[in-house]
Amino acid sequence: MDQIIAYLTFNGNCREAMEFYQECIGGELKLQTLKDVPKPKNFPDDMKDYVVQAILEKDGILLMGTDMVDKKLIRGNSISIFLGTSNEEQLQRYYQKLKKGSRSTYPLERTHWGNLFGGLVDKFGNEWLFHCKKNNN
């Protein structure tokens, strides 16, 4: 199966961010740090807890992250993490949990076409979009 996965880059706080996302979304989190890789002594001691790769999985959700960046990290506004579900109550829970320490960009509300939609920039600077398609029963 082909898929596109959100892969986030952090500046030393990947573990904190991914653990926060796990609290908000749930799922299983796997982390690999620099001290877990072969030849960890090749890295400075202050980097040993940097995350090489983090994987958060829940049902059809896959979110990945890392602290490893070879250039200055610049947060932009051209990419968003889109979280869609057909369960309105679940979407409300995700939004409320991720909202802690965030800045709202779009309040979570029903759109003119009937879908629930909202957005925020979380406390780590990542933009999230939330969507629940209207049930046409």
N, C-alpha and C. Protein backbone atom coordinates (compact mmCIF):
# COMPACT_ATOMS: atom_id res chain seq x y z
N MET A 1 0.84 -1.18 0.00
CA MET A 1 0.00 0.00 0.00
C MET A 1 0.88 1.24 0.00
N ASP A 2 0.65 2.16 -0.90
CA ASP A 2 1.35 3.43 -0.92
C ASP A 2 0.68 4.38 0.05
N GLN A 3 1.47 5.24 0.68
CA GLN A 3 0.89 6.24 1.57
C GLN A 3 1.86 7.40 1.74
N ILE A 4 1.32 8.53 2.12
CA ILE A 4 2.11 9.69 2.49
C ILE A 4 2.03 9.81 4.00
N ILE A 5 3.18 10.01 4.64
CA ILE A 5 3.26 10.06 6.09
C ILE A 5 3.81 11.41 6.52
N ALA A 6 3.22 11.99 7.56
CA ALA A 6 3.77 13.22 8.13
C ALA A 6 5.03 12.86 8.91
N TYR A 7 6.17 13.47 8.55
CA TYR A 7 7.46 13.24 9.20
C TYR A 7 7.96 14.58 9.68
N LEU A 8 7.98 14.76 10.99
CA LEU A 8 8.29 16.05 11.60
C LEU A 8 9.74 16.11 12.08
N THR A 9 10.36 17.26 11.93
CA THR A 9 11.72 17.47 12.41
C THR A 9 11.68 18.45 13.57
N PHE A 10 12.38 18.10 14.65
CA PHE A 10 12.42 18.92 15.85
C PHE A 10 13.85 19.34 16.14
N ASN A 11 13.99 20.21 17.10
CA ASN A 11 15.30 20.74 17.45
C ASN A 11 15.67 20.31 18.87
N GLY A 12 15.70 18.98 19.10
CA GLY A 12 16.07 18.46 20.40
C GLY A 12 14.89 18.12 21.30
N ASN A 13 13.68 18.40 20.88
CA ASN A 13 12.51 18.10 21.73
C ASN A 13 11.53 17.13 21.06
N CYS A 14 12.03 16.26 20.21
CA CYS A 14 11.18 15.30 19.52
C CYS A 14 10.49 14.37 20.51
N ARG A 15 11.23 13.86 21.50
CA ARG A 15 10.62 12.95 22.48
C ARG A 15 9.44 13.63 23.18
N GLU A 16 9.65 14.85 23.65
CA GLU A 16 8.60 15.59 24.35
C GLU A 16 7.37 15.77 23.46
N ALA A 17 7.60 16.16 22.21
CA ALA A 17 6.49 16.39 21.28
C ALA A 17 5.75 15.09 20.97
N MET A 18 6.48 14.04 20.67
CA MET A 18 5.83 12.78 20.30
C MET A 18 5.10 12.16 21.48
N GLU A 19 5.63 12.32 22.69
CA GLU A 19 4.91 11.82 23.87
C GLU A 19 3.64 12.64 24.10
N PHE A 20 3.70 13.95 23.82
CA PHE A 20 2.49 14.77 23.91
C PHE A 20 1.47 14.32 22.87
N TYR A 21 1.89 14.08 21.64
CA TYR A 21 0.97 13.62 20.60
C TYR A 21 0.37 12.27 20.98
N GLN A 22 1.16 11.40 21.59
CA GLN A 22 0.64 10.11 22.04
C GLN A 22 -0.43 10.30 23.11
N GLU A 23 -0.21 11.24 24.04
CA GLU A 23 -1.23 11.53 25.05
C GLU A 23 -2.52 12.02 24.41
N CYS A 24 -2.39 12.79 23.35
CA CYS A 24 -3.55 13.38 22.68
C CYS A 24 -4.28 12.41 21.77
N ILE A 25 -3.54 11.62 21.03
CA ILE A 25 -4.11 10.75 20.00
C ILE A 25 -4.22 9.31 20.47
N GLY A 26 -3.29 8.90 21.34
CA GLY A 26 -3.21 7.50 21.73
C GLY A 26 -2.25 6.77 20.81
N GLY A 27 -2.27 5.47 20.85
CA GLY A 27 -1.44 4.66 19.98
C GLY A 27 -0.14 4.23 20.62
N GLU A 28 0.66 3.54 19.82
CA GLU A 28 1.95 3.02 20.28
C GLU A 28 3.08 3.91 19.75
N LEU A 29 3.98 4.28 20.65
CA LEU A 29 5.11 5.14 20.30
C LEU A 29 6.40 4.35 20.42
N LYS A 30 7.19 4.36 19.35
CA LYS A 30 8.52 3.74 19.35
C LYS A 30 9.54 4.85 19.11
N LEU A 31 10.59 4.86 19.94
CA LEU A 31 11.64 5.87 19.83
C LEU A 31 13.01 5.21 19.72
N GLN A 32 13.85 5.73 18.85
CA GLN A 32 15.24 5.32 18.77
C GLN A 32 16.09 6.57 18.95
N THR A 33 16.99 6.56 19.94
CA THR A 33 17.85 7.72 20.19
C THR A 33 19.25 7.44 19.66
N LEU A 34 20.08 8.47 19.67
CA LEU A 34 21.45 8.31 19.22
C LEU A 34 22.23 7.31 20.06
N LYS A 35 21.90 7.21 21.35
CA LYS A 35 22.62 6.23 22.17
C LYS A 35 22.22 4.79 21.83
N ASP A 36 21.14 4.62 21.04
CA ASP A 36 20.69 3.29 20.62
C ASP A 36 21.32 2.84 19.30
N VAL A 37 22.01 3.73 18.60
CA VAL A 37 22.54 3.39 17.29
C VAL A 37 23.94 2.80 17.43
N PRO A 38 24.38 2.05 16.41
CA PRO A 38 25.76 1.55 16.44
C PRO A 38 26.74 2.74 16.50
N LYS A 39 27.77 2.61 17.26
CA LYS A 39 28.81 3.62 17.42
C LYS A 39 28.28 4.94 17.97
N PRO A 40 27.52 4.90 19.07
CA PRO A 40 27.00 6.15 19.63
C PRO A 40 28.10 7.09 20.12
N LYS A 41 29.30 6.56 20.38
CA LYS A 41 30.39 7.40 20.87
C LYS A 41 30.86 8.40 19.81
N ASN A 42 30.41 8.24 18.56
CA ASN A 42 30.77 9.19 17.50
C ASN A 42 30.02 10.52 17.62
N PHE A 43 29.08 10.59 18.55
CA PHE A 43 28.27 11.78 18.72
C PHE A 43 28.59 12.45 20.05
N PRO A 44 28.45 13.78 20.11
CA PRO A 44 28.69 14.48 21.38
C PRO A 44 27.72 14.00 22.46
N ASP A 45 28.17 14.00 23.71
CA ASP A 45 27.35 13.53 24.83
C ASP A 45 26.03 14.28 24.93
N ASP A 46 26.03 15.58 24.63
CA ASP A 46 24.79 16.35 24.76
C ASP A 46 23.75 16.02 23.69
N MET A 47 24.12 15.16 22.74
CA MET A 47 23.18 14.75 21.69
C MET A 47 22.70 13.30 21.86
N LYS A 48 23.21 12.59 22.84
CA LYS A 48 22.90 11.15 22.98
C LYS A 48 21.41 10.87 23.14
N ASP A 49 20.64 11.81 23.71
CA ASP A 49 19.20 11.61 23.88
C ASP A 49 18.38 12.13 22.71
N TYR A 50 19.05 12.67 21.69
CA TYR A 50 18.32 13.11 20.49
C TYR A 50 17.65 11.91 19.84
N VAL A 51 16.45 12.12 19.33
CA VAL A 51 15.69 11.05 18.69
C VAL A 51 16.10 10.95 17.22
N VAL A 52 16.56 9.74 16.85
CA VAL A 52 16.88 9.47 15.44
C VAL A 52 15.59 9.26 14.68
N GLN A 53 14.70 8.46 15.27
CA GLN A 53 13.41 8.23 14.63
C GLN A 53 12.35 7.91 15.69
N ALA A 54 11.21 8.55 15.55
CA ALA A 54 10.05 8.28 16.39
C ALA A 54 8.91 7.87 15.48
N ILE A 55 8.17 6.88 15.92
CA ILE A 55 7.02 6.40 15.15
C ILE A 55 5.83 6.27 16.09
N LEU A 56 4.77 7.00 15.79
CA LEU A 56 3.52 6.91 16.54
C LEU A 56 2.46 6.32 15.62
N GLU A 57 1.91 5.17 16.03
CA GLU A 57 0.91 4.48 15.22
C GLU A 57 -0.36 4.23 16.02
N LYS A 58 -1.48 4.52 15.38
CA LYS A 58 -2.79 4.18 15.95
C LYS A 58 -3.76 3.99 14.79
N ASP A 59 -4.31 2.80 14.70
CA ASP A 59 -5.24 2.49 13.62
C ASP A 59 -4.62 2.92 12.29
N GLY A 60 -5.24 3.83 11.57
CA GLY A 60 -4.70 4.28 10.29
C GLY A 60 -3.82 5.51 10.40
N ILE A 61 -3.51 5.95 11.62
CA ILE A 61 -2.69 7.14 11.83
C ILE A 61 -1.23 6.74 11.97
N LEU A 62 -0.35 7.41 11.23
CA LEU A 62 1.09 7.20 11.35
C LEU A 62 1.75 8.57 11.34
N LEU A 63 2.44 8.88 12.44
CA LEU A 63 3.15 10.15 12.57
C LEU A 63 4.57 9.83 12.96
N MET A 64 5.53 10.42 12.25
CA MET A 64 6.93 10.14 12.51
C MET A 64 7.67 11.44 12.82
N GLY A 65 8.81 11.31 13.48
CA GLY A 65 9.58 12.49 13.81
C GLY A 65 11.04 12.18 14.09
N THR A 66 11.85 13.24 14.18
CA THR A 66 13.28 13.12 14.44
C THR A 66 13.82 14.44 15.00
N ASP A 67 14.95 14.33 15.68
CA ASP A 67 15.71 15.52 16.09
C ASP A 67 16.87 15.78 15.15
N MET A 68 17.12 14.86 14.23
CA MET A 68 18.30 14.93 13.39
C MET A 68 18.06 15.86 12.20
N VAL A 69 18.71 16.99 12.25
CA VAL A 69 18.60 17.97 11.17
C VAL A 69 20.00 18.49 10.88
N ASP A 70 20.36 18.55 9.61
CA ASP A 70 21.72 18.96 9.25
C ASP A 70 21.81 20.42 8.85
N LYS A 71 20.75 21.14 9.06
CA LYS A 71 20.74 22.56 8.74
C LYS A 71 19.85 23.26 9.76
N LYS A 72 19.82 24.58 9.72
CA LYS A 72 18.99 25.32 10.66
C LYS A 72 17.52 24.98 10.41
N LEU A 73 16.82 24.64 11.48
CA LEU A 73 15.41 24.29 11.39
C LEU A 73 14.58 25.56 11.28
N ILE A 74 13.79 25.65 10.23
CA ILE A 74 12.91 26.80 10.01
C ILE A 74 11.49 26.27 9.91
N ARG A 75 10.64 26.73 10.82
CA ARG A 75 9.23 26.34 10.79
C ARG A 75 8.53 27.19 9.73
N GLY A 76 7.77 26.52 8.87
CA GLY A 76 7.05 27.24 7.83
C GLY A 76 5.56 27.01 7.96
N ASN A 77 4.82 27.60 7.05
CA ASN A 77 3.38 27.44 7.07
C ASN A 77 2.87 26.75 5.81
N SER A 78 3.75 26.03 5.13
CA SER A 78 3.33 25.39 3.89
C SER A 78 2.91 23.94 4.08
N ILE A 79 3.09 23.39 5.26
CA ILE A 79 2.72 22.00 5.53
C ILE A 79 1.88 21.95 6.80
N SER A 80 0.83 21.14 6.78
CA SER A 80 -0.01 20.93 7.94
C SER A 80 -0.21 19.43 8.14
N ILE A 81 -0.43 19.04 9.39
CA ILE A 81 -0.80 17.66 9.69
C ILE A 81 -2.33 17.63 9.64
N PHE A 82 -2.86 16.85 8.72
CA PHE A 82 -4.31 16.78 8.51
C PHE A 82 -4.83 15.55 9.24
N LEU A 83 -5.69 15.77 10.21
CA LEU A 83 -6.25 14.67 11.01
C LEU A 83 -7.74 14.56 10.70
N GLY A 84 -8.08 13.54 9.94
CA GLY A 84 -9.46 13.33 9.53
C GLY A 84 -10.03 12.08 10.16
N THR A 85 -11.29 12.14 10.51
CA THR A 85 -11.98 10.99 11.08
C THR A 85 -13.46 11.10 10.74
N SER A 86 -14.15 9.98 10.81
CA SER A 86 -15.60 10.00 10.59
C SER A 86 -16.33 10.07 11.92
N ASN A 87 -15.59 10.12 13.02
CA ASN A 87 -16.18 10.15 14.36
C ASN A 87 -16.02 11.56 14.94
N GLU A 88 -17.13 12.28 14.99
CA GLU A 88 -17.11 13.68 15.44
C GLU A 88 -16.64 13.82 16.89
N GLU A 89 -17.07 12.93 17.76
CA GLU A 89 -16.65 12.99 19.16
C GLU A 89 -15.16 12.76 19.30
N GLN A 90 -14.62 11.82 18.51
CA GLN A 90 -13.17 11.56 18.55
C GLN A 90 -12.40 12.78 18.07
N LEU A 91 -12.89 13.42 17.02
CA LEU A 91 -12.23 14.62 16.51
C LEU A 91 -12.23 15.72 17.56
N GLN A 92 -13.33 15.88 18.26
CA GLN A 92 -13.41 16.87 19.34
C GLN A 92 -12.36 16.58 20.41
N ARG A 93 -12.21 15.30 20.77
CA ARG A 93 -11.21 14.92 21.79
C ARG A 93 -9.80 15.22 21.31
N TYR A 94 -9.47 14.86 20.07
CA TYR A 94 -8.15 15.16 19.53
C TYR A 94 -7.88 16.66 19.58
N TYR A 95 -8.85 17.44 19.13
CA TYR A 95 -8.69 18.90 19.08
C TYR A 95 -8.46 19.47 20.47
N GLN A 96 -9.28 19.07 21.42
CA GLN A 96 -9.18 19.60 22.79
C GLN A 96 -7.84 19.25 23.42
N LYS A 97 -7.34 18.05 23.20
CA LYS A 97 -6.06 17.64 23.78
C LYS A 97 -4.89 18.35 23.12
N LEU A 98 -4.91 18.44 21.79
CA LEU A 98 -3.81 19.12 21.08
C LEU A 98 -3.84 20.63 21.28
N LYS A 99 -4.96 21.14 21.73
CA LYS A 99 -5.14 22.57 21.94
C LYS A 99 -4.32 23.11 23.12
N LYS A 100 -3.89 22.24 24.03
CA LYS A 100 -3.12 22.67 25.20
C LYS A 100 -1.84 23.38 24.77
N GLY A 101 -1.73 24.65 25.12
CA GLY A 101 -0.54 25.42 24.79
C GLY A 101 -0.45 25.84 23.33
N SER A 102 -1.54 25.69 22.60
CA SER A 102 -1.52 25.99 21.16
C SER A 102 -2.06 27.38 20.86
N ARG A 103 -2.02 27.70 19.57
CA ARG A 103 -2.63 28.92 19.06
C ARG A 103 -3.66 28.49 18.02
N SER A 104 -4.91 28.87 18.24
CA SER A 104 -5.98 28.48 17.32
C SER A 104 -5.86 29.26 16.01
N THR A 105 -5.98 28.55 14.90
CA THR A 105 -6.01 29.21 13.60
C THR A 105 -7.42 29.21 13.02
N TYR A 106 -8.17 28.16 13.32
CA TYR A 106 -9.58 28.05 12.94
C TYR A 106 -10.29 27.35 14.08
N PRO A 107 -11.29 27.96 14.69
CA PRO A 107 -12.03 27.24 15.74
C PRO A 107 -12.70 26.00 15.15
N LEU A 108 -12.78 24.96 15.93
CA LEU A 108 -13.43 23.74 15.46
C LEU A 108 -14.93 23.98 15.41
N GLU A 109 -15.47 24.06 14.20
CA GLU A 109 -16.89 24.34 14.04
C GLU A 109 -17.40 23.78 12.73
N ARG A 110 -18.70 23.73 12.61
CA ARG A 110 -19.34 23.23 11.41
C ARG A 110 -19.21 24.25 10.29
N THR A 111 -18.84 23.78 9.13
CA THR A 111 -18.68 24.65 7.97
C THR A 111 -20.02 24.82 7.25
N HIS A 112 -20.06 25.71 6.28
CA HIS A 112 -21.29 25.93 5.52
C HIS A 112 -21.70 24.69 4.72
N TRP A 113 -20.76 23.78 4.43
CA TRP A 113 -21.11 22.56 3.71
C TRP A 113 -21.41 21.41 4.67
N GLY A 114 -21.38 21.68 6.00
CA GLY A 114 -21.83 20.71 6.98
C GLY A 114 -20.75 19.90 7.67
N ASN A 115 -19.52 19.98 7.19
CA ASN A 115 -18.44 19.23 7.82
C ASN A 115 -17.89 19.98 9.03
N LEU A 116 -17.34 19.24 9.97
CA LEU A 116 -16.68 19.84 11.12
C LEU A 116 -15.22 20.09 10.73
N PHE A 117 -14.73 21.30 10.96
CA PHE A 117 -13.38 21.67 10.54
C PHE A 117 -12.77 22.63 11.56
N GLY A 118 -11.47 22.53 11.75
CA GLY A 118 -10.76 23.45 12.62
C GLY A 118 -9.27 23.32 12.41
N GLY A 119 -8.52 24.23 13.04
CA GLY A 119 -7.07 24.20 12.91
C GLY A 119 -6.40 24.89 14.08
N LEU A 120 -5.15 24.48 14.32
CA LEU A 120 -4.35 25.11 15.36
C LEU A 120 -2.87 24.90 15.07
N VAL A 121 -2.05 25.74 15.70
CA VAL A 121 -0.61 25.54 15.70
C VAL A 121 -0.27 25.09 17.11
N ASP A 122 0.27 23.87 17.24
CA ASP A 122 0.50 23.31 18.57
C ASP A 122 1.69 23.97 19.27
N LYS A 123 1.91 23.59 20.51
CA LYS A 123 2.95 24.21 21.32
C LYS A 123 4.36 23.93 20.81
N PHE A 124 4.51 23.06 19.81
CA PHE A 124 5.79 22.78 19.20
C PHE A 124 5.96 23.48 17.85
N GLY A 125 4.94 24.28 17.47
CA GLY A 125 5.01 25.04 16.23
C GLY A 125 4.50 24.31 15.00
N ASN A 126 3.87 23.15 15.18
CA ASN A 126 3.34 22.40 14.04
C ASN A 126 1.87 22.71 13.84
N GLU A 127 1.51 22.92 12.57
CA GLU A 127 0.12 23.24 12.23
C GLU A 127 -0.68 21.97 12.01
N TRP A 128 -1.87 21.91 12.64
CA TRP A 128 -2.78 20.78 12.53
C TRP A 128 -4.10 21.26 11.93
N LEU A 129 -4.66 20.46 11.04
CA LEU A 129 -6.00 20.69 10.51
C LEU A 129 -6.86 19.49 10.90
N PHE A 130 -8.08 19.74 11.33
CA PHE A 130 -8.99 18.72 11.81
C PHE A 130 -10.23 18.70 10.93
N HIS A 131 -10.68 17.50 10.56
CA HIS A 131 -11.82 17.41 9.65
C HIS A 131 -12.64 16.17 9.97
N CYS A 132 -13.96 16.37 10.03
CA CYS A 132 -14.90 15.25 10.16
C CYS A 132 -15.96 15.44 9.11
N LYS A 133 -16.06 14.50 8.21
CA LYS A 133 -17.03 14.58 7.12
C LYS A 133 -18.43 14.37 7.66
N LYS A 134 -19.34 15.20 7.17
CA LYS A 134 -20.75 15.12 7.58
C LYS A 134 -21.30 13.75 7.21
N ASN A 135 -22.00 13.15 8.16
CA ASN A 135 -22.66 11.88 7.93
C ASN A 135 -23.95 12.14 7.20
N ASN A 136 -24.11 11.57 6.03
CA ASN A 136 -25.29 11.82 5.20
C ASN A 136 -26.35 10.74 5.36
N ASN A 137 -26.64 10.37 6.59
CA ASN A 137 -27.70 9.37 6.84
C ASN A 137 -29.06 9.98 6.78
